[in-house]
Amino acid sequence: MKDKKLVIKGTIIDGLNKKETLKQGVIVIEGKTISDLGKEGEVKIPEGAEVYQGKTIMPGMIDSHIHICLNGEPGFHQLVLESNLYTYSINAVVYAKRTIEAGFTTVRELGSPGYLGISLRDAIRKGIIPGPRILTSGQPLSITGGHGTFLPPWLHSDCDLGMIADGTEEVRKAVRTLIGSGVDLIKLLATGGVMDIITSPGAQNYNLDELKVATQEAHKLGKRVAAHVEGLSGAKDCIRAGIDTLDHGIELDDEAIQMMIDKGTFLVPTLLAPYNIGEHGVKGGIPEFAVKKNLEVIKKHTQSFQKAYQAGVKIAMGTDMGTPFSRHGENAKELELMVNNSMSPMEVIMATTRVASEALGLESKIGTLEKGKLADLIILDGDPLADITLLQRKELIKLVMKEGEIIVQR
């Protein structure tokens, strides 16, 4: 691989230019990285290089919020009762393959039992199984009885999706434990959620002092923090605490949005999750309580997204893949929903490439097509700027490359 040279030709969306594409573009790849990029005729083609021609070349896509062990099951509590760590792990291998086949070369995995996310990430790094580059939080942190509690207390699972930590010292220890196990970031369940049996989406779970301790410990040890946020008070305390990404971001008001801009906080909107719950509902097997809660928040969710976008909040694409009827490999539906809610196709592509790489802290390596960056890219048989839904059609994604290696070729 070190001496292998590849050349990709076509119209280039580099993730940097907000207005224009590079027509008749050429990308030269040597080993894992991009060694040259420019207009055809101005770039020297290495002797003996393999040449690939396509209509549109763009960076590999990034999903900033997935759950690799879930795959759209309508009810989490039944799944938890029927599953063990082995079944979750087997399923995760399949879902990882589907994800990269859909053109997503990097994902941020924000909640799986035990050390599943860490083990899967490492197996993909070693080339044992195919899949996207994974950044994982391992088990998210939750309060007793808070978000992520899918079973009543008289039922027990041996592979809980979350880790309970109450009070500042328990939170401090839990963050250190997770980082010591090898996670890439910390995830906090800061408010209730739609799928909870008891808590409401807007109910704040972690207090400000707990959020601050978690963030300080993580940042001190070089790790970023993501927060599940579906309520205003929880959102504001997360921003005050210095959390890096607000995921979902329901109920944001003008003050919270300005706080995000001032702090540089990213929004990961996950429009797909409530959309799918609304589309399939009780008829699809989703619990009635969850459908009812979803109806209460879905309009607030889209309004928050639109206000944040219009105000200039940094938006990184994320799906919450794994939630009811959100299935791995169908991640690009989120891009269509973002376009339907005010963003332009180019802005959405940048949110799924460059801005997402910044939210993950990987902007020096991936997210744009530039000299010296890792060669993560896809070739699409069509123009996503004319029709963003083309990215949902896997048969049109003719090539998927990660670090210079062709993973999918159709």
Protein backbone atom coordinates (compact mmCIF):
# COMPACT_ATOMS: atom_id res chain seq x y z
CA MET A 1 0.00 0.00 0.00
CA LYS A 2 2.88 2.39 0.78
CA ASP A 3 4.02 2.67 -2.85
CA LYS A 4 0.59 2.30 -4.46
CA LYS A 5 -0.56 5.31 -6.48
CA LEU A 6 -4.18 6.02 -7.42
CA VAL A 7 -5.73 8.81 -9.44
CA ILE A 8 -9.36 9.89 -9.13
CA LYS A 9 -10.92 12.14 -11.79
CA GLY A 10 -14.23 14.00 -11.81
CA THR A 11 -16.04 17.00 -10.34
CA ILE A 12 -14.64 17.55 -6.83
CA ILE A 13 -16.58 18.77 -3.81
CA ASP A 14 -13.65 19.34 -1.47
CA GLY A 15 -15.56 20.28 1.72
CA LEU A 16 -13.76 23.63 1.85
CA ASN A 17 -15.35 25.74 -0.87
CA LYS A 18 -18.85 26.78 0.15
CA LYS A 19 -19.94 27.91 -3.32
CA GLU A 20 -18.06 26.13 -6.08
CA THR A 21 -16.95 22.68 -7.16
CA LEU A 22 -13.75 21.87 -9.04
CA LYS A 23 -14.78 20.59 -12.45
CA GLN A 24 -12.41 18.27 -14.30
CA GLY A 25 -10.60 17.75 -11.03
CA VAL A 26 -7.83 15.28 -10.28
CA ILE A 27 -6.84 13.73 -6.97
CA VAL A 28 -3.56 11.85 -6.63
CA ILE A 29 -3.32 9.36 -3.77
CA GLU A 30 -0.10 7.78 -2.56
CA GLY A 31 -0.45 5.21 0.18
CA LYS A 32 -2.97 6.48 2.73
CA THR A 33 -2.90 10.18 1.87
CA ILE A 34 -3.72 12.70 -0.83
CA SER A 35 -0.44 13.83 -2.39
CA ASP A 36 -1.85 16.26 -4.95
CA LEU A 37 -5.14 17.80 -6.03
CA GLY A 38 -6.08 20.24 -8.75
CA LYS A 39 -7.47 20.73 -12.23
CA GLU A 40 -6.84 18.15 -14.94
CA GLY A 41 -3.82 19.21 -16.99
CA GLU A 42 -2.30 21.05 -14.04
CA VAL A 43 -1.65 17.97 -11.89
CA LYS A 44 1.10 15.51 -12.74
CA ILE A 45 -0.24 11.97 -13.08
CA PRO A 46 2.23 9.48 -11.57
CA GLU A 47 3.51 6.84 -13.94
CA GLY A 48 1.76 3.51 -13.50
CA ALA A 49 -1.04 4.92 -11.35
CA GLU A 50 -4.47 3.27 -11.38
CA VAL A 51 -7.02 5.78 -12.68
CA TYR A 52 -10.67 5.95 -11.60
CA GLN A 53 -13.21 8.23 -13.26
CA GLY A 54 -16.42 9.43 -11.62
CA LYS A 55 -19.05 12.15 -11.84
CA THR A 56 -18.74 13.58 -8.30
CA ILE A 57 -15.92 13.04 -5.82
CA MET A 58 -16.44 14.18 -2.24
CA PRO A 59 -14.99 13.43 1.20
CA GLY A 60 -16.13 10.30 2.97
CA MET A 61 -19.20 11.14 5.02
CA ILE A 62 -19.21 11.38 8.82
CA ASP A 63 -22.11 10.49 11.11
CA SER A 64 -21.54 12.17 14.47
CA HIS A 65 -24.14 10.20 16.44
CA ILE A 66 -24.85 6.48 16.08
CA HIS A 67 -25.53 3.44 18.26
CA ILE A 68 -23.77 0.54 16.58
CA CYS A 69 -25.51 -2.27 18.50
CA LEU A 70 -29.07 -1.13 17.70
CA ASN A 71 -30.75 -1.15 14.30
CA GLY A 72 -34.12 0.53 14.33
CA GLU A 73 -35.93 -1.86 16.66
CA PRO A 74 -39.27 -0.26 17.63
CA GLY A 75 -39.01 -0.97 21.38
CA PHE A 76 -35.74 -0.90 23.32
CA HIS A 77 -36.96 -2.66 26.46
CA GLN A 78 -37.92 -5.85 24.58
CA LEU A 79 -34.60 -5.78 22.74
CA VAL A 80 -32.69 -5.40 26.03
CA LEU A 81 -34.54 -8.36 27.54
CA GLU A 82 -33.80 -10.57 24.54
CA SER A 83 -30.16 -9.58 23.99
CA ASN A 84 -26.79 -10.33 25.49
CA LEU A 85 -23.35 -8.92 24.81
CA TYR A 86 -22.65 -11.63 22.22
CA THR A 87 -25.73 -10.88 20.11
CA TYR A 88 -25.05 -7.14 20.32
CA SER A 89 -21.48 -7.75 19.16
CA ILE A 90 -22.44 -9.96 16.22
CA ASN A 91 -25.02 -7.42 15.11
CA ALA A 92 -22.55 -4.54 15.42
CA VAL A 93 -20.15 -6.20 12.98
CA VAL A 94 -22.93 -6.41 10.38
CA TYR A 95 -24.04 -2.82 10.97
CA ALA A 96 -20.48 -1.48 10.67
CA LYS A 97 -20.17 -3.05 7.23
CA ARG A 98 -23.50 -1.58 6.10
CA THR A 99 -22.39 1.85 7.29
CA ILE A 100 -19.19 2.06 5.27
CA GLU A 101 -20.93 0.55 2.24
CA ALA A 102 -23.25 3.58 2.38
CA GLY A 103 -20.30 5.98 2.08
CA PHE A 104 -19.78 6.80 5.77
CA THR A 105 -16.09 6.40 6.47
CA THR A 106 -16.17 7.80 10.03
CA VAL A 107 -18.75 7.59 12.81
CA ARG A 108 -19.01 8.70 16.42
CA GLU A 109 -20.48 5.81 18.41
CA LEU A 110 -22.34 7.22 21.42
CA GLY A 111 -23.60 4.35 23.48
CA SER A 112 -23.14 0.59 23.54
CA PRO A 113 -22.85 -1.99 26.34
CA GLY A 114 -19.60 -2.96 28.01
CA TYR A 115 -16.52 -2.52 25.87
CA LEU A 116 -18.27 -3.32 22.59
CA GLY A 117 -17.55 0.05 20.96
CA ILE A 118 -13.89 -0.10 21.92
CA SER A 119 -13.47 -3.68 20.69
CA LEU A 120 -15.25 -2.99 17.42
CA ARG A 121 -13.19 0.16 16.81
CA ASP A 122 -9.96 -1.75 17.39
CA ALA A 123 -10.98 -4.71 15.20
CA ILE A 124 -11.70 -2.33 12.32
CA ARG A 125 -8.38 -0.52 12.86
CA LYS A 126 -6.53 -3.83 12.66
CA GLY A 127 -8.33 -4.80 9.44
CA ILE A 128 -10.04 -7.80 11.01
CA ILE A 129 -13.48 -6.62 9.87
CA PRO A 130 -14.62 -3.89 7.45
CA GLY A 131 -16.18 -0.74 8.81
CA PRO A 132 -15.86 2.99 9.27
CA ARG A 133 -13.35 4.71 11.50
CA ILE A 134 -15.00 4.74 14.93
CA LEU A 135 -14.75 7.17 17.80
CA THR A 136 -16.60 5.67 20.73
CA SER A 137 -17.84 6.93 24.08
CA GLY A 138 -18.43 3.42 25.39
CA GLN A 139 -21.26 3.44 27.91
CA PRO A 140 -22.88 6.87 28.34
CA LEU A 141 -23.23 8.25 31.86
CA SER A 142 -26.70 8.56 33.36
CA ILE A 143 -28.32 9.28 36.71
CA THR A 144 -30.30 6.67 38.62
CA GLY A 145 -33.72 6.46 36.97
CA GLY A 146 -32.69 8.86 34.21
CA HIS A 147 -32.46 8.66 30.44
CA GLY A 148 -31.38 5.25 29.19
CA THR A 149 -33.40 3.41 31.85
CA PHE A 150 -35.42 1.09 29.63
CA LEU A 151 -36.36 -1.53 32.24
CA PRO A 152 -38.24 -1.18 35.53
CA PRO A 153 -36.06 -1.77 38.64
CA TRP A 154 -37.37 -5.30 39.24
CA LEU A 155 -35.94 -6.43 35.88
CA HIS A 156 -32.20 -6.59 35.21
CA SER A 157 -29.93 -6.88 32.19
CA ASP A 158 -26.34 -8.10 32.34
CA CYS A 159 -25.31 -5.67 29.59
CA ASP A 160 -26.68 -2.23 30.39
CA LEU A 161 -26.39 0.36 27.67
CA GLY A 162 -25.52 3.07 30.22
CA MET A 163 -23.38 3.54 33.32
CA ILE A 164 -24.99 5.07 36.43
CA ALA A 165 -23.11 7.84 38.24
CA ASP A 166 -24.75 10.15 40.79
CA GLY A 167 -23.09 13.17 42.39
CA THR A 168 -19.83 14.84 41.48
CA GLU A 169 -17.45 12.24 42.90
CA GLU A 170 -19.22 9.30 41.25
CA VAL A 171 -19.23 11.23 37.99
CA ARG A 172 -15.52 12.05 38.33
CA LYS A 173 -14.66 8.40 38.94
CA ALA A 174 -16.89 7.19 36.10
CA VAL A 175 -15.24 9.58 33.62
CA ARG A 176 -11.79 8.41 34.71
CA THR A 177 -12.89 4.77 34.49
CA LEU A 178 -14.19 5.21 30.95
CA ILE A 179 -11.10 7.05 29.78
CA GLY A 180 -8.94 4.41 31.42
CA SER A 181 -10.78 1.75 29.42
CA GLY A 182 -9.81 3.44 26.16
CA VAL A 183 -12.83 5.49 25.04
CA ASP A 184 -12.35 8.38 22.61
CA LEU A 185 -14.81 10.74 24.29
CA ILE A 186 -17.39 10.96 27.08
CA LYS A 187 -21.14 11.06 26.60
CA LEU A 188 -23.49 12.43 29.25
CA LEU A 189 -27.24 11.85 29.30
CA ALA A 190 -28.05 15.35 30.50
CA THR A 191 -31.84 15.23 30.15
CA GLY A 192 -34.66 12.76 29.75
CA GLY A 193 -35.61 11.33 26.38
CA VAL A 194 -38.49 10.26 24.17
CA MET A 195 -37.85 6.53 24.65
CA ASP A 196 -37.73 6.68 28.48
CA ILE A 197 -40.48 4.87 30.37
CA ILE A 198 -40.64 7.45 33.17
CA THR A 199 -38.75 10.71 32.55
CA SER A 200 -39.91 13.39 30.11
CA PRO A 201 -37.61 14.63 27.31
CA GLY A 202 -37.25 18.09 28.85
CA ALA A 203 -36.47 16.93 32.38
CA GLN A 204 -32.92 17.82 33.41
CA ASN A 205 -30.96 14.81 34.70
CA TYR A 206 -27.45 15.96 35.56
CA ASN A 207 -26.97 19.12 37.62
CA LEU A 208 -24.55 21.86 36.62
CA ASP A 209 -21.91 20.81 39.15
CA GLU A 210 -21.97 17.23 37.83
CA LEU A 211 -21.77 18.43 34.22
CA LYS A 212 -18.82 20.68 35.08
CA VAL A 213 -16.89 17.90 36.82
CA ALA A 214 -17.43 15.50 33.92
CA THR A 215 -16.29 18.07 31.37
CA GLN A 216 -13.29 19.23 33.40
CA GLU A 217 -12.08 15.66 33.95
CA ALA A 218 -12.53 14.72 30.30
CA HIS A 219 -10.85 17.85 28.94
CA LYS A 220 -8.02 17.50 31.43
CA LEU A 221 -7.38 14.03 30.04
CA GLY A 222 -7.65 15.16 26.43
CA LYS A 223 -11.14 13.91 25.64
CA ARG A 224 -14.19 15.72 24.29
CA VAL A 225 -17.69 15.53 25.74
CA ALA A 226 -21.05 15.01 24.00
CA ALA A 227 -24.38 15.49 25.75
CA HIS A 228 -27.83 14.09 25.04
CA VAL A 229 -30.02 17.20 25.43
CA GLU A 230 -33.76 17.43 24.87
CA GLY A 231 -34.61 20.27 27.26
CA LEU A 232 -33.72 23.96 27.65
CA SER A 233 -32.40 24.03 31.22
CA GLY A 234 -30.18 21.01 30.56
CA ALA A 235 -28.92 22.61 27.34
CA LYS A 236 -27.91 25.84 29.06
CA ASP A 237 -26.12 24.03 31.87
CA CYS A 238 -24.27 21.86 29.33
CA ILE A 239 -23.10 24.96 27.48
CA ARG A 240 -22.06 26.61 30.76
CA ALA A 241 -20.12 23.48 31.66
CA GLY A 242 -18.15 23.67 28.39
CA ILE A 243 -19.51 20.51 26.75
CA ASP A 244 -18.35 20.22 23.13
CA THR A 245 -21.48 19.00 21.31
CA LEU A 246 -25.17 19.24 22.11
CA ASP A 247 -26.85 16.24 20.54
CA HIS A 248 -30.56 16.61 19.57
CA GLY A 249 -30.78 20.16 20.98
CA ILE A 250 -34.53 20.30 21.49
CA GLU A 251 -36.12 23.45 23.02
CA LEU A 252 -33.23 25.82 22.29
CA ASP A 253 -34.14 29.48 22.75
CA ASP A 254 -32.33 32.61 21.55
CA GLU A 255 -30.24 32.83 24.73
CA ALA A 256 -29.07 29.21 24.49
CA ILE A 257 -28.23 29.66 20.80
CA GLN A 258 -26.16 32.76 21.53
CA MET A 259 -24.40 30.89 24.33
CA MET A 260 -23.50 28.15 21.83
CA ILE A 261 -22.09 30.69 19.40
CA ASP A 262 -20.07 32.41 22.13
CA LYS A 263 -18.67 29.10 23.43
CA GLY A 264 -18.17 27.48 20.02
CA THR A 265 -20.50 24.60 20.92
CA PHE A 266 -21.52 22.29 18.07
CA LEU A 267 -25.11 21.16 17.46
CA VAL A 268 -25.65 17.58 16.30
CA PRO A 269 -29.37 17.76 15.39
CA THR A 270 -30.37 14.10 14.68
CA LEU A 271 -33.56 15.05 12.82
CA LEU A 272 -33.96 11.48 11.62
CA ALA A 273 -34.81 9.97 15.01
CA PRO A 274 -38.07 11.87 15.69
CA TYR A 275 -38.94 11.79 12.00
CA ASN A 276 -38.92 7.98 11.92
CA ILE A 277 -40.88 7.67 15.16
CA GLY A 278 -43.49 10.02 13.71
CA GLU A 279 -43.61 8.15 10.39
CA HIS A 280 -44.06 4.64 11.87
CA GLY A 281 -45.78 5.29 15.19
CA VAL A 282 -47.74 2.78 17.23
CA LYS A 283 -48.63 0.82 14.07
CA GLY A 284 -44.94 0.10 13.62
CA GLY A 285 -44.68 -1.31 17.13
CA ILE A 286 -43.21 1.77 18.82
CA PRO A 287 -44.52 2.07 22.41
CA GLU A 288 -47.45 4.46 22.71
CA PHE A 289 -45.75 6.53 25.44
CA ALA A 290 -42.79 7.18 23.14
CA VAL A 291 -45.00 8.15 20.21
CA LYS A 292 -46.90 10.58 22.44
CA LYS A 293 -43.67 12.18 23.74
CA ASN A 294 -42.36 12.43 20.19
CA LEU A 295 -45.45 14.36 19.12
CA GLU A 296 -44.80 16.82 21.94
CA VAL A 297 -41.21 17.58 20.90
CA ILE A 298 -40.85 17.06 17.13
CA LYS A 299 -41.98 20.58 16.19
CA LYS A 300 -39.73 22.11 18.88
CA HIS A 301 -36.88 20.02 17.51
CA THR A 302 -37.12 21.32 13.94
CA GLN A 303 -37.68 24.89 15.16
CA SER A 304 -34.56 24.70 17.33
CA PHE A 305 -32.55 23.38 14.40
CA GLN A 306 -33.73 26.10 12.06
CA LYS A 307 -33.08 28.89 14.59
CA ALA A 308 -29.62 27.55 15.40
CA TYR A 309 -28.71 27.27 11.72
CA GLN A 310 -29.96 30.76 10.87
CA ALA A 311 -28.02 32.21 13.83
CA GLY A 312 -24.76 30.61 12.71
CA VAL A 313 -24.33 27.75 15.21
CA LYS A 314 -21.83 25.14 13.98
CA ILE A 315 -23.89 22.14 12.84
CA ALA A 316 -22.40 18.65 12.50
CA MET A 317 -24.50 15.93 10.91
CA GLY A 318 -25.64 13.07 13.13
CA THR A 319 -28.55 10.65 12.89
CA ASP A 320 -28.99 8.83 16.22
CA MET A 321 -28.84 5.72 14.05
CA GLY A 322 -30.22 2.68 15.87
CA THR A 323 -33.28 4.42 17.30
CA PRO A 324 -36.70 3.16 16.09
CA PHE A 325 -36.67 2.57 12.32
CA SER A 326 -33.30 4.33 11.91
CA ARG A 327 -31.27 1.56 10.32
CA HIS A 328 -27.55 1.46 9.65
CA GLY A 329 -26.73 2.12 6.01
CA GLU A 330 -29.65 4.56 5.71
CA ASN A 331 -27.75 7.41 7.40
CA ALA A 332 -27.94 9.76 4.40
CA LYS A 333 -31.68 10.31 4.94
CA GLU A 334 -30.59 12.87 7.56
CA LEU A 335 -29.11 15.03 4.79
CA GLU A 336 -32.46 15.22 3.03
CA LEU A 337 -34.17 16.29 6.27
CA MET A 338 -31.54 18.99 6.84
CA VAL A 339 -32.15 20.36 3.33
CA ASN A 340 -35.92 20.26 3.96
CA ASN A 341 -35.31 22.38 7.07
CA SER A 342 -33.52 25.34 5.45
CA MET A 343 -29.91 24.25 4.76
CA SER A 344 -28.55 24.20 1.20
CA PRO A 345 -27.19 20.92 -0.23
CA MET A 346 -23.62 22.28 -0.09
CA GLU A 347 -24.04 23.35 3.55
CA VAL A 348 -25.39 19.90 4.39
CA ILE A 349 -22.48 18.16 2.67
CA MET A 350 -20.06 20.36 4.61
CA ALA A 351 -21.90 19.57 7.86
CA THR A 352 -21.40 15.89 7.00
CA THR A 353 -17.71 16.28 6.18
CA ARG A 354 -15.67 19.30 7.30
CA VAL A 355 -17.80 20.53 10.21
CA ALA A 356 -18.33 16.99 11.50
CA SER A 357 -14.57 16.40 11.43
CA GLU A 358 -14.12 19.55 13.53
CA ALA A 359 -16.75 18.39 16.03
CA LEU A 360 -14.87 15.11 16.38
CA GLY A 361 -11.46 16.80 16.62
CA LEU A 362 -10.21 15.09 13.44
CA GLU A 363 -10.08 18.12 11.13
CA SER A 364 -6.31 17.79 10.63
CA LYS A 365 -6.76 14.30 9.17
CA ILE A 366 -10.16 13.97 7.48
CA GLY A 367 -13.30 15.88 6.47
CA THR A 368 -11.89 17.68 3.41
CA LEU A 369 -10.04 16.71 0.25
CA GLU A 370 -6.64 18.42 0.61
CA LYS A 371 -2.99 17.60 0.17
CA GLY A 372 -1.69 15.72 3.19
CA LYS A 373 -5.11 14.59 4.42
CA LEU A 374 -6.07 10.94 4.67
CA ALA A 375 -7.65 9.69 1.45
CA ASP A 376 -11.22 9.18 2.69
CA LEU A 377 -13.57 9.76 -0.24
CA ILE A 378 -16.52 8.53 -2.23
CA ILE A 379 -17.35 8.62 -5.94
CA LEU A 380 -21.02 9.31 -6.67
CA ASP A 381 -22.68 8.69 -10.03
CA GLY A 382 -24.64 11.95 -9.95
CA ASP A 383 -24.72 15.47 -8.55
CA PRO A 384 -25.75 15.68 -4.88
CA LEU A 385 -25.91 19.48 -5.12
CA ALA A 386 -28.79 19.08 -7.57
CA ASP A 387 -30.42 16.23 -5.64
CA ILE A 388 -29.20 15.45 -2.11
CA THR A 389 -31.25 12.22 -2.03
CA LEU A 390 -28.81 10.60 -4.47
CA LEU A 391 -26.57 9.91 -1.48
CA GLN A 392 -29.23 7.54 -0.14
CA ARG A 393 -28.94 5.31 -3.23
CA LYS A 394 -26.07 2.92 -2.59
CA GLU A 395 -25.99 1.76 -6.21
CA LEU A 396 -24.91 5.30 -7.16
CA ILE A 397 -22.03 5.29 -4.69
CA LYS A 398 -19.57 3.70 -7.07
CA LEU A 399 -16.51 3.74 -4.83
CA VAL A 400 -15.80 4.15 -1.12
CA MET A 401 -12.20 4.73 -0.03
CA LYS A 402 -10.82 4.91 3.50
CA GLU A 403 -7.17 5.85 4.05
CA GLY A 404 -6.34 5.13 0.43
CA GLU A 405 -7.87 1.65 0.49
CA ILE A 406 -10.83 0.90 -1.74
CA ILE A 407 -13.45 -0.64 0.56
CA VAL A 408 -16.39 -0.69 -1.87
CA GLN A 409 -16.35 -0.66 -5.65
CA ARG A 410 -19.61 -1.03 -7.57
